[in-house]
Amino acid sequence: MVRFIAAITITICCYSSAVQAQAKPPSKRPVTPVSRTQVEDSPSRAGVELQQDPPNQGVQPLAPELEQLLRDWAAASDKIERLEGAHLRRVYDMTYEVEKLSQGRFYFETPDKGRINISPIAVTPKMVDQRSSGAVPTKKRKDGKPFELKSDQEECWSCDGLRVYEMDVAQKQARVAQLPADVQGKNIMDSPLPFLFGMPPEKAKRRFAMSLMRPIDPASGRASLHILPKLPQDSGNWASADVILNLKTFLPEAVQLVDPAGTKITVYSFSSLKVNENKFIDAIIDNQDPKTRYTPDLRGFNVQVQGSEEPAQIGEQDLTDPSSQPNPKLAVPAKGELVNVQGMLHSEAVIQLERQGLKRVKDDKEANSIILEAGPIAEKEGDVFTVKSQDPPAGTALKKGMKVRLTIWTKSGGNAKQ
């Protein structure tokens, strides 16, 4: 359905799943926060559960208008290749009776790339007065007064299809996790909050209990959905979701998520949505380098790679096996040393080397310091156009005037590049 929320759910929910290797038995009342840690299995567990579930078991027929809405929503979402927009986020801490405000932009590109920037909103006396007077609706404390209003923290979450990045911009801290192969690509719909990913209606009905919060009124141009999880893999991440859907664009105007413990409510309101815009023109307008939109530049960050306690062990990975994706640690070299790009797609390898100060200049051999050379024909389809070897090797001290030659696995008819 709503694929563009992938900019949020891929980065936040799949990050948690990528770093959790130990599954815990589901309980009737899990208490995991909705967007931070997961206690269930890999996101693909939902897909496994559906495969083991006899067809139509526990599936109740929906009202005809809801059935049609789900079909229309899925069909519209299937046409989205790129989506971006602005968001306003409110996080309500029901225990401490605090409302935290933030805003930012999000980006999504099929099948599995997403980014969301979260910036705090400064709280002003006027905003507090508006809530106290009732001019701006908010949740009330037990004593009848509005929740305490605070600025949320600055964050950035990103997914480039292979890795998920969580960045604390102010502290210059970053955590990187490899996405399991079974949640890359279109299988991302089997990750947490998958009802937002254009899931076919029949599959959605087997995973979720869905209902209309009120009868659809075409004149209003909106539909309001209430969604509950059926599978333990989903209920371990969220207890309920409310979605306000625009019936003209079939894009959400707002999404409310309640965590399993019922102690946190997160509300996203969306605006300035752009569908299938030219990403290069978009990047100019947004003043953003398209190379770092999904694969962020982590120079100057203290990087923690999840799932590896011994960095030296990473070099043992067999990067010639297409089922073995590049490890994020390979793109975070020791300061002053050449990054390891072996096994990466040649385009990603160039990006990583450019971040180290090398230049790819196709028409000037003297200025060009990243040389791409056609290598042997790949025996495995997954190796085509990935880096077979690099010269000088990773770990070589960076120096002025250095040139790096990358030998690329090719397919029949491949040509050398300089």
Protein backbone atom coordinates (compact mmCIF):
# COMPACT_ATOMS: atom_id res chain seq x y z
CA MET A 1 0.00 0.00 0.00
CA VAL A 2 1.68 3.19 1.10
CA ARG A 3 5.17 2.57 -0.21
CA PHE A 4 6.55 5.98 0.55
CA ILE A 5 6.51 5.36 4.29
CA ALA A 6 9.35 3.00 3.46
CA ALA A 7 11.54 6.03 3.95
CA ILE A 8 10.60 5.70 7.58
CA THR A 9 9.91 2.03 8.10
CA ILE A 10 12.79 0.58 6.11
CA THR A 11 15.33 2.67 7.92
CA ILE A 12 13.92 2.49 11.42
CA CYS A 13 12.38 -0.96 11.61
CA CYS A 14 14.81 -2.85 9.40
CA TYR A 15 17.77 -1.35 11.24
CA SER A 16 16.51 -2.99 14.40
CA SER A 17 15.96 -6.30 12.67
CA ALA A 18 19.37 -6.26 11.02
CA VAL A 19 21.19 -6.04 14.34
CA GLN A 20 19.10 -8.54 16.30
CA ALA A 21 20.40 -12.08 15.79
CA GLN A 22 18.68 -13.66 18.78
CA ALA A 23 14.94 -14.20 18.48
CA LYS A 24 12.75 -14.28 21.56
CA PRO A 25 9.43 -16.09 21.94
CA PRO A 26 6.46 -13.81 21.31
CA SER A 27 4.35 -12.85 24.27
CA LYS A 28 0.81 -11.60 24.54
CA ARG A 29 1.98 -8.21 25.77
CA PRO A 30 5.41 -7.32 24.31
CA VAL A 31 6.87 -4.09 25.58
CA THR A 32 9.37 -3.22 22.84
CA PRO A 33 9.37 0.45 21.67
CA VAL A 34 7.92 0.75 18.17
CA SER A 35 10.90 2.35 16.45
CA ARG A 36 14.00 1.37 18.32
CA THR A 37 14.50 -2.28 19.15
CA GLN A 38 12.95 -5.51 17.96
CA VAL A 39 12.58 -8.71 19.91
CA GLU A 40 11.23 -10.85 17.10
CA ASP A 41 12.95 -12.71 14.29
CA SER A 42 14.15 -11.35 10.99
CA PRO A 43 11.55 -9.22 9.16
CA SER A 44 11.05 -12.09 6.76
CA ARG A 45 9.48 -14.15 9.53
CA ALA A 46 6.09 -12.79 8.59
CA GLY A 47 6.54 -14.17 5.10
CA VAL A 48 7.46 -17.56 6.54
CA GLU A 49 4.45 -17.51 8.84
CA LEU A 50 2.18 -16.77 5.90
CA GLN A 51 3.70 -19.61 3.88
CA GLN A 52 3.03 -22.02 6.74
CA ASP A 53 -0.47 -20.67 7.29
CA PRO A 54 -3.17 -22.53 5.33
CA PRO A 55 -4.72 -20.19 2.74
CA ASN A 56 -7.58 -18.04 4.03
CA GLN A 57 -7.22 -19.30 7.60
CA GLY A 58 -8.57 -16.61 9.89
CA VAL A 59 -9.38 -14.30 6.95
CA GLN A 60 -12.74 -12.63 7.31
CA PRO A 61 -14.50 -11.01 4.34
CA LEU A 62 -14.34 -7.23 4.41
CA ALA A 63 -17.02 -4.75 3.53
CA PRO A 64 -17.16 -4.22 -0.28
CA GLU A 65 -16.12 -0.57 -0.01
CA LEU A 66 -13.06 -1.51 2.06
CA GLU A 67 -12.14 -4.31 -0.37
CA GLN A 68 -12.28 -1.83 -3.25
CA LEU A 69 -10.28 0.74 -1.29
CA LEU A 70 -7.48 -1.78 -0.65
CA ARG A 71 -7.35 -2.71 -4.35
CA ASP A 72 -7.24 0.92 -5.46
CA TRP A 73 -4.63 1.79 -2.83
CA ALA A 74 -2.37 -1.10 -3.83
CA ALA A 75 -2.70 -0.29 -7.54
CA ALA A 76 -1.82 3.37 -6.99
CA SER A 77 1.15 2.55 -4.78
CA ASP A 78 2.46 0.12 -7.39
CA LYS A 79 3.03 3.07 -9.75
CA ILE A 80 5.30 4.89 -7.31
CA GLU A 81 9.01 4.68 -8.12
CA ARG A 82 10.19 7.71 -6.15
CA LEU A 83 8.50 9.76 -3.48
CA GLU A 84 9.58 12.56 -1.21
CA GLY A 85 7.97 15.12 1.02
CA ALA A 86 7.93 16.92 4.33
CA HIS A 87 6.77 15.54 7.65
CA LEU A 88 5.81 16.85 11.06
CA ARG A 89 6.28 14.31 13.85
CA ARG A 90 4.71 14.29 17.30
CA VAL A 91 5.79 11.67 19.83
CA TYR A 92 3.62 11.36 22.92
CA ASP A 93 5.18 9.75 25.99
CA MET A 94 2.11 8.50 27.84
CA THR A 95 4.10 7.62 30.96
CA TYR A 96 5.77 10.98 31.56
CA GLU A 97 3.04 12.99 29.77
CA VAL A 98 5.44 14.70 27.37
CA GLU A 99 4.92 15.69 23.72
CA LYS A 100 8.08 15.93 21.58
CA LEU A 101 8.10 17.85 18.31
CA SER A 102 10.26 17.42 15.21
CA GLN A 103 10.08 17.93 11.47
CA GLY A 104 12.05 17.07 8.36
CA ARG A 105 11.99 15.51 4.93
CA PHE A 106 11.80 11.94 3.74
CA TYR A 107 12.80 10.21 0.51
CA PHE A 108 11.90 6.84 -0.93
CA GLU A 109 13.03 5.07 -4.11
CA THR A 110 11.88 1.62 -5.14
CA PRO A 111 12.49 -1.06 -4.28
CA ASP A 112 14.30 -0.55 -0.98
CA LYS A 113 15.99 2.84 -0.61
CA GLY A 114 14.81 5.36 1.96
CA ARG A 115 15.92 8.27 4.09
CA ILE A 116 14.29 10.40 6.74
CA ASN A 117 15.80 13.52 8.28
CA ILE A 118 14.46 14.47 11.70
CA SER A 119 15.17 17.94 13.09
CA PRO A 120 13.93 19.33 16.42
CA ILE A 121 11.35 22.10 16.45
CA ALA A 122 12.18 24.88 18.88
CA VAL A 123 9.40 25.30 21.45
CA THR A 124 8.17 28.90 21.80
CA PRO A 125 5.94 30.51 24.45
CA LYS A 126 3.31 31.03 21.74
CA MET A 127 3.17 27.29 21.02
CA VAL A 128 2.74 26.54 24.73
CA ASP A 129 -0.03 29.17 25.03
CA GLN A 130 -1.83 27.75 21.97
CA ARG A 131 -1.98 24.35 23.59
CA SER A 132 -3.04 25.74 26.96
CA SER A 133 -5.88 27.73 25.37
CA GLY A 134 -7.06 24.82 23.24
CA ALA A 135 -6.30 26.62 19.96
CA VAL A 136 -3.99 23.70 19.07
CA PRO A 137 -5.31 20.26 20.10
CA THR A 138 -3.03 18.13 22.23
CA LYS A 139 -3.22 15.31 24.74
CA LYS A 140 -4.09 16.13 28.33
CA ARG A 141 -2.34 15.05 31.49
CA LYS A 142 -4.18 13.44 34.35
CA ASP A 143 -4.63 16.87 35.94
CA GLY A 144 -6.29 18.21 32.78
CA LYS A 145 -3.36 20.34 31.64
CA PRO A 146 -1.65 19.83 28.24
CA PHE A 147 1.29 17.48 27.94
CA GLU A 148 4.63 19.16 28.55
CA LEU A 149 5.98 20.34 25.19
CA LYS A 150 9.61 19.60 24.30
CA SER A 151 11.88 19.59 21.24
CA ASP A 152 12.81 16.13 19.98
CA GLN A 153 16.40 15.17 19.15
CA GLU A 154 18.05 15.46 15.73
CA GLU A 155 18.30 12.16 13.89
CA CYS A 156 18.83 10.78 10.42
CA TRP A 157 17.96 7.28 9.25
CA SER A 158 18.92 5.98 5.84
CA CYS A 159 18.83 2.74 3.86
CA ASP A 160 20.69 2.21 0.56
CA GLY A 161 19.26 -1.25 -0.07
CA LEU A 162 22.24 -3.07 1.44
CA ARG A 163 22.82 -1.29 4.73
CA VAL A 164 20.88 0.77 7.24
CA TYR A 165 22.42 3.84 8.85
CA GLU A 166 21.38 5.53 12.09
CA MET A 167 23.08 8.88 12.63
CA ASP A 168 23.23 11.16 15.66
CA VAL A 169 24.27 14.28 13.79
CA ALA A 170 24.96 16.44 16.85
CA GLN A 171 27.20 13.82 18.49
CA LYS A 172 28.78 12.68 15.20
CA GLN A 173 27.88 9.09 16.05
CA ALA A 174 26.71 6.55 13.47
CA ARG A 175 25.57 2.95 13.62
CA VAL A 176 25.58 0.82 10.48
CA ALA A 177 23.93 -2.57 10.00
CA GLN A 178 23.83 -4.95 7.06
CA LEU A 179 20.35 -5.81 5.80
CA PRO A 180 19.69 -9.54 5.57
CA ALA A 181 19.27 -10.69 1.98
CA ASP A 182 15.69 -11.75 2.64
CA VAL A 183 14.58 -8.18 3.38
CA GLN A 184 16.33 -6.54 0.44
CA GLY A 185 14.36 -5.58 -2.63
CA LYS A 186 10.64 -6.18 -2.91
CA ASN A 187 10.65 -8.61 -0.01
CA ILE A 188 10.86 -5.51 2.18
CA MET A 189 7.06 -5.69 2.38
CA ASP A 190 7.56 -8.55 4.83
CA SER A 191 9.36 -6.26 7.26
CA PRO A 192 7.72 -4.57 10.27
CA LEU A 193 4.86 -2.21 9.36
CA PRO A 194 4.53 -3.87 5.92
CA PHE A 195 0.93 -2.67 5.47
CA LEU A 196 2.58 0.53 4.24
CA PHE A 197 4.34 -1.14 1.31
CA GLY A 198 1.79 -1.81 -1.40
CA MET A 199 1.01 -5.31 -0.19
CA PRO A 200 -1.55 -7.24 -2.26
CA PRO A 201 -4.96 -7.04 -0.52
CA GLU A 202 -5.31 -10.81 0.01
CA LYS A 203 -1.95 -10.99 1.72
CA ALA A 204 -2.72 -7.88 3.76
CA LYS A 205 -5.97 -9.41 5.01
CA ARG A 206 -4.14 -12.49 6.23
CA ARG A 207 -1.71 -10.38 8.24
CA PHE A 208 -3.92 -7.58 9.51
CA ALA A 209 -7.37 -6.90 10.87
CA MET A 210 -8.49 -3.79 9.00
CA SER A 211 -11.55 -1.65 9.39
CA LEU A 212 -12.85 1.75 8.41
CA MET A 213 -12.95 4.18 11.30
CA ARG A 214 -15.97 5.81 9.67
CA PRO A 215 -17.89 5.27 6.40
CA ILE A 216 -16.06 6.55 3.33
CA ASP A 217 -17.35 9.97 2.31
CA PRO A 218 -16.13 10.75 -1.23
CA ALA A 219 -16.95 14.42 -0.69
CA SER A 220 -14.35 14.63 2.08
CA GLY A 221 -11.67 13.15 -0.17
CA ARG A 222 -10.35 11.01 2.67
CA ALA A 223 -10.64 7.54 4.16
CA SER A 224 -9.67 6.61 7.71
CA LEU A 225 -8.35 3.12 8.40
CA HIS A 226 -7.70 1.32 11.68
CA ILE A 227 -5.23 -1.58 11.40
CA LEU A 228 -4.34 -4.28 13.95
CA PRO A 229 -1.62 -6.94 13.59
CA LYS A 230 -2.45 -10.64 13.48
CA LEU A 231 1.05 -12.15 13.50
CA PRO A 232 3.50 -12.12 16.45
CA GLN A 233 6.21 -10.69 14.18
CA ASP A 234 4.07 -7.58 13.69
CA SER A 235 2.55 -7.27 17.14
CA GLY A 236 6.04 -7.19 18.62
CA ASN A 237 6.63 -3.86 16.87
CA TRP A 238 3.31 -2.04 16.91
CA ALA A 239 -0.06 -2.53 18.56
CA SER A 240 -2.25 -0.48 16.22
CA ALA A 241 -2.04 1.94 13.33
CA ASP A 242 -4.46 4.60 12.13
CA VAL A 243 -4.05 5.92 8.59
CA ILE A 244 -5.78 8.91 6.96
CA LEU A 245 -5.67 8.28 3.22
CA ASN A 246 -6.17 10.88 0.49
CA LEU A 247 -8.61 9.34 -2.00
CA LYS A 248 -7.31 11.39 -4.93
CA THR A 249 -3.62 10.58 -4.62
CA PHE A 250 -3.92 7.42 -2.47
CA LEU A 251 -1.13 8.79 -0.31
CA PRO A 252 -1.46 9.11 3.46
CA GLU A 253 -1.96 12.50 4.99
CA ALA A 254 -1.24 11.18 8.48
CA VAL A 255 -0.22 7.96 10.23
CA GLN A 256 -0.52 7.24 13.95
CA LEU A 257 1.36 4.33 15.52
CA VAL A 258 0.89 2.94 19.02
CA ASP A 259 3.71 0.89 20.52
CA PRO A 260 3.02 -2.58 21.96
CA ALA A 261 3.11 -1.39 25.57
CA GLY A 262 0.75 1.48 24.88
CA THR A 263 3.24 3.91 26.40
CA LYS A 264 4.19 5.80 23.23
CA ILE A 265 2.12 7.23 20.39
CA THR A 266 3.89 8.52 17.28
CA VAL A 267 2.03 10.69 14.78
CA TYR A 268 3.37 11.65 11.35
CA SER A 269 1.66 14.36 9.27
CA PHE A 270 2.80 14.65 5.64
CA SER A 271 2.87 17.54 3.17
CA SER A 272 4.52 18.73 -0.06
CA LEU A 273 4.51 15.22 -1.50
CA LYS A 274 6.21 14.72 -4.88
CA VAL A 275 5.79 11.48 -6.82
CA ASN A 276 8.24 10.21 -9.46
CA GLU A 277 10.07 13.53 -9.75
CA ASN A 278 13.40 13.61 -11.58
CA LYS A 279 15.81 12.75 -8.78
CA PHE A 280 18.72 14.75 -10.18
CA ILE A 281 16.67 17.93 -10.59
CA ASP A 282 15.18 17.24 -7.19
CA ALA A 283 18.63 17.00 -5.64
CA ILE A 284 19.56 20.41 -7.05
CA ILE A 285 16.40 21.97 -5.67
CA ASP A 286 17.00 20.36 -2.28
CA ASN A 287 20.69 21.33 -2.40
CA GLN A 288 21.63 17.71 -1.76
CA ASP A 289 24.27 15.50 -3.33
CA PRO A 290 22.38 12.56 -4.92
CA LYS A 291 25.38 10.31 -4.20
CA THR A 292 24.88 10.68 -0.45
CA ARG A 293 21.09 10.71 -0.27
CA TYR A 294 20.86 7.05 0.69
CA THR A 295 24.52 6.16 1.30
CA PRO A 296 25.57 8.92 3.69
CA ASP A 297 29.05 10.41 3.92
CA LEU A 298 30.32 9.26 7.31
CA ARG A 299 33.64 11.09 7.27
CA GLY A 300 34.12 12.67 10.70
CA PHE A 301 31.66 10.27 12.36
CA ASN A 302 32.49 7.72 15.00
CA VAL A 303 31.10 4.62 13.26
CA GLN A 304 29.87 1.53 15.07
CA VAL A 305 29.23 -1.48 12.84
CA GLN A 306 26.56 -3.76 14.24
CA GLY A 307 27.11 -7.51 14.33
CA SER A 308 30.92 -7.45 14.30
CA GLU A 309 33.10 -7.22 17.37
CA GLU A 310 36.35 -7.97 15.55
CA PRO A 311 36.91 -5.74 12.50
CA ALA A 312 39.70 -8.01 11.25
CA GLN A 313 37.21 -10.83 10.71
CA ILE A 314 35.37 -8.84 8.07
CA GLY A 315 38.14 -9.36 5.54
CA GLU A 316 37.39 -13.09 5.59
CA GLN A 317 34.04 -12.55 3.87
CA ASP A 318 33.85 -14.14 0.40
CA LEU A 319 32.87 -11.17 -1.71
CA THR A 320 32.85 -13.20 -4.94
CA ASP A 321 29.70 -14.97 -3.77
CA PRO A 322 26.66 -12.93 -4.95
CA SER A 323 24.72 -14.02 -1.89
CA SER A 324 27.34 -12.28 0.24
CA GLN A 325 26.67 -8.52 0.14
CA PRO A 326 29.36 -5.89 0.85
CA ASN A 327 29.87 -5.37 4.56
CA PRO A 328 29.41 -1.76 5.74
CA LYS A 329 32.74 -1.91 7.57
CA LEU A 330 34.47 -2.11 4.22
CA ALA A 331 33.36 1.46 3.53
CA VAL A 332 34.62 2.77 6.88
CA PRO A 333 38.41 2.48 6.69
CA ALA A 334 40.93 3.53 9.26
CA LYS A 335 41.75 7.21 8.96
CA GLY A 336 44.21 7.86 6.13
CA GLU A 337 43.90 4.38 4.60
CA LEU A 338 42.42 3.29 1.28
CA VAL A 339 38.93 1.85 1.59
CA ASN A 340 38.19 -1.75 0.59
CA VAL A 341 35.76 -1.75 -2.33
CA GLN A 342 36.22 -5.34 -3.45
CA GLY A 343 32.84 -6.99 -4.06
CA MET A 344 30.95 -3.71 -4.40
CA LEU A 345 29.13 -2.64 -7.54
CA HIS A 346 31.53 -0.47 -9.53
CA SER A 347 29.26 2.59 -9.16
CA GLU A 348 29.22 2.26 -5.37
CA ALA A 349 32.97 1.69 -5.32
CA VAL A 350 33.53 4.95 -7.19
CA ILE A 351 31.37 6.82 -4.67
CA GLN A 352 33.37 5.43 -1.75
CA LEU A 353 36.70 6.32 -3.37
CA GLU A 354 35.52 9.81 -4.27
CA ARG A 355 34.73 10.38 -0.63
CA GLN A 356 38.39 9.73 0.09
CA GLY A 357 39.43 12.51 -2.27
CA LEU A 358 40.06 10.53 -5.44
CA LYS A 359 38.48 11.71 -8.68
CA ARG A 360 36.71 9.95 -11.51
CA VAL A 361 37.36 12.04 -14.66
CA LYS A 362 36.47 10.01 -17.74
CA ASP A 363 37.88 12.33 -20.41
CA ASP A 364 41.14 13.30 -18.73
CA LYS A 365 43.59 10.46 -18.08
CA GLU A 366 45.97 12.71 -16.17
CA ALA A 367 43.31 14.02 -13.79
CA ASN A 368 41.49 10.68 -13.49
CA SER A 369 42.55 8.81 -10.35
CA ILE A 370 39.90 6.06 -10.39
CA ILE A 371 40.55 3.70 -13.30
CA LEU A 372 37.93 1.09 -14.20
CA GLU A 373 39.26 -1.86 -16.16
CA ALA A 374 37.26 -4.70 -17.66
CA GLY A 375 38.19 -8.00 -16.08
CA PRO A 376 37.25 -11.60 -16.86
CA ILE A 377 33.69 -12.65 -17.59
CA ALA A 378 31.88 -13.40 -14.34
CA GLU A 379 30.96 -17.03 -13.77
CA LYS A 380 28.09 -15.97 -11.51
CA GLU A 381 25.42 -13.52 -12.59
CA GLY A 382 25.50 -11.77 -9.24
CA ASP A 383 29.17 -10.83 -9.75
CA VAL A 384 28.64 -8.89 -12.99
CA PHE A 385 29.86 -5.27 -12.69
CA THR A 386 31.24 -5.76 -9.18
CA VAL A 387 34.86 -5.11 -8.24
CA LYS A 388 37.03 -8.20 -8.68
CA SER A 389 40.17 -6.57 -7.31
CA GLN A 390 41.74 -3.20 -6.57
CA ASP A 391 45.28 -1.92 -6.92
CA PRO A 392 46.71 -0.72 -4.59
CA PRO A 393 44.98 -2.90 -2.01
CA ALA A 394 42.80 -1.72 0.85
CA GLY A 395 44.72 -0.36 3.79
CA THR A 396 47.33 1.38 1.65
CA ALA A 397 48.16 4.83 3.00
CA LEU A 398 46.39 7.59 1.09
CA LYS A 399 48.71 10.05 -0.61
CA LYS A 400 48.52 12.91 -3.06
CA GLY A 401 48.42 11.85 -6.70
CA MET A 402 47.40 8.26 -5.89
CA LYS A 403 45.62 6.34 -8.65
CA VAL A 404 43.46 3.30 -7.95
CA ARG A 405 42.76 0.69 -10.60
CA LEU A 406 39.60 -1.38 -10.21
CA THR A 407 39.20 -4.61 -12.16
CA ILE A 408 35.51 -5.27 -12.82
CA TRP A 409 33.81 -8.60 -13.38
CA THR A 410 32.12 -8.33 -16.80
CA LYS A 411 29.56 -10.09 -18.90
CA SER A 412 30.08 -11.16 -22.49
CA GLY A 413 30.81 -8.11 -24.67
CA GLY A 414 31.98 -5.88 -21.78
CA ASN A 415 34.36 -3.00 -22.58
CA ALA A 416 37.21 -1.53 -20.61
CA LYS A 417 36.79 1.88 -19.02
CA GLN A 418 39.44 4.36 -18.06
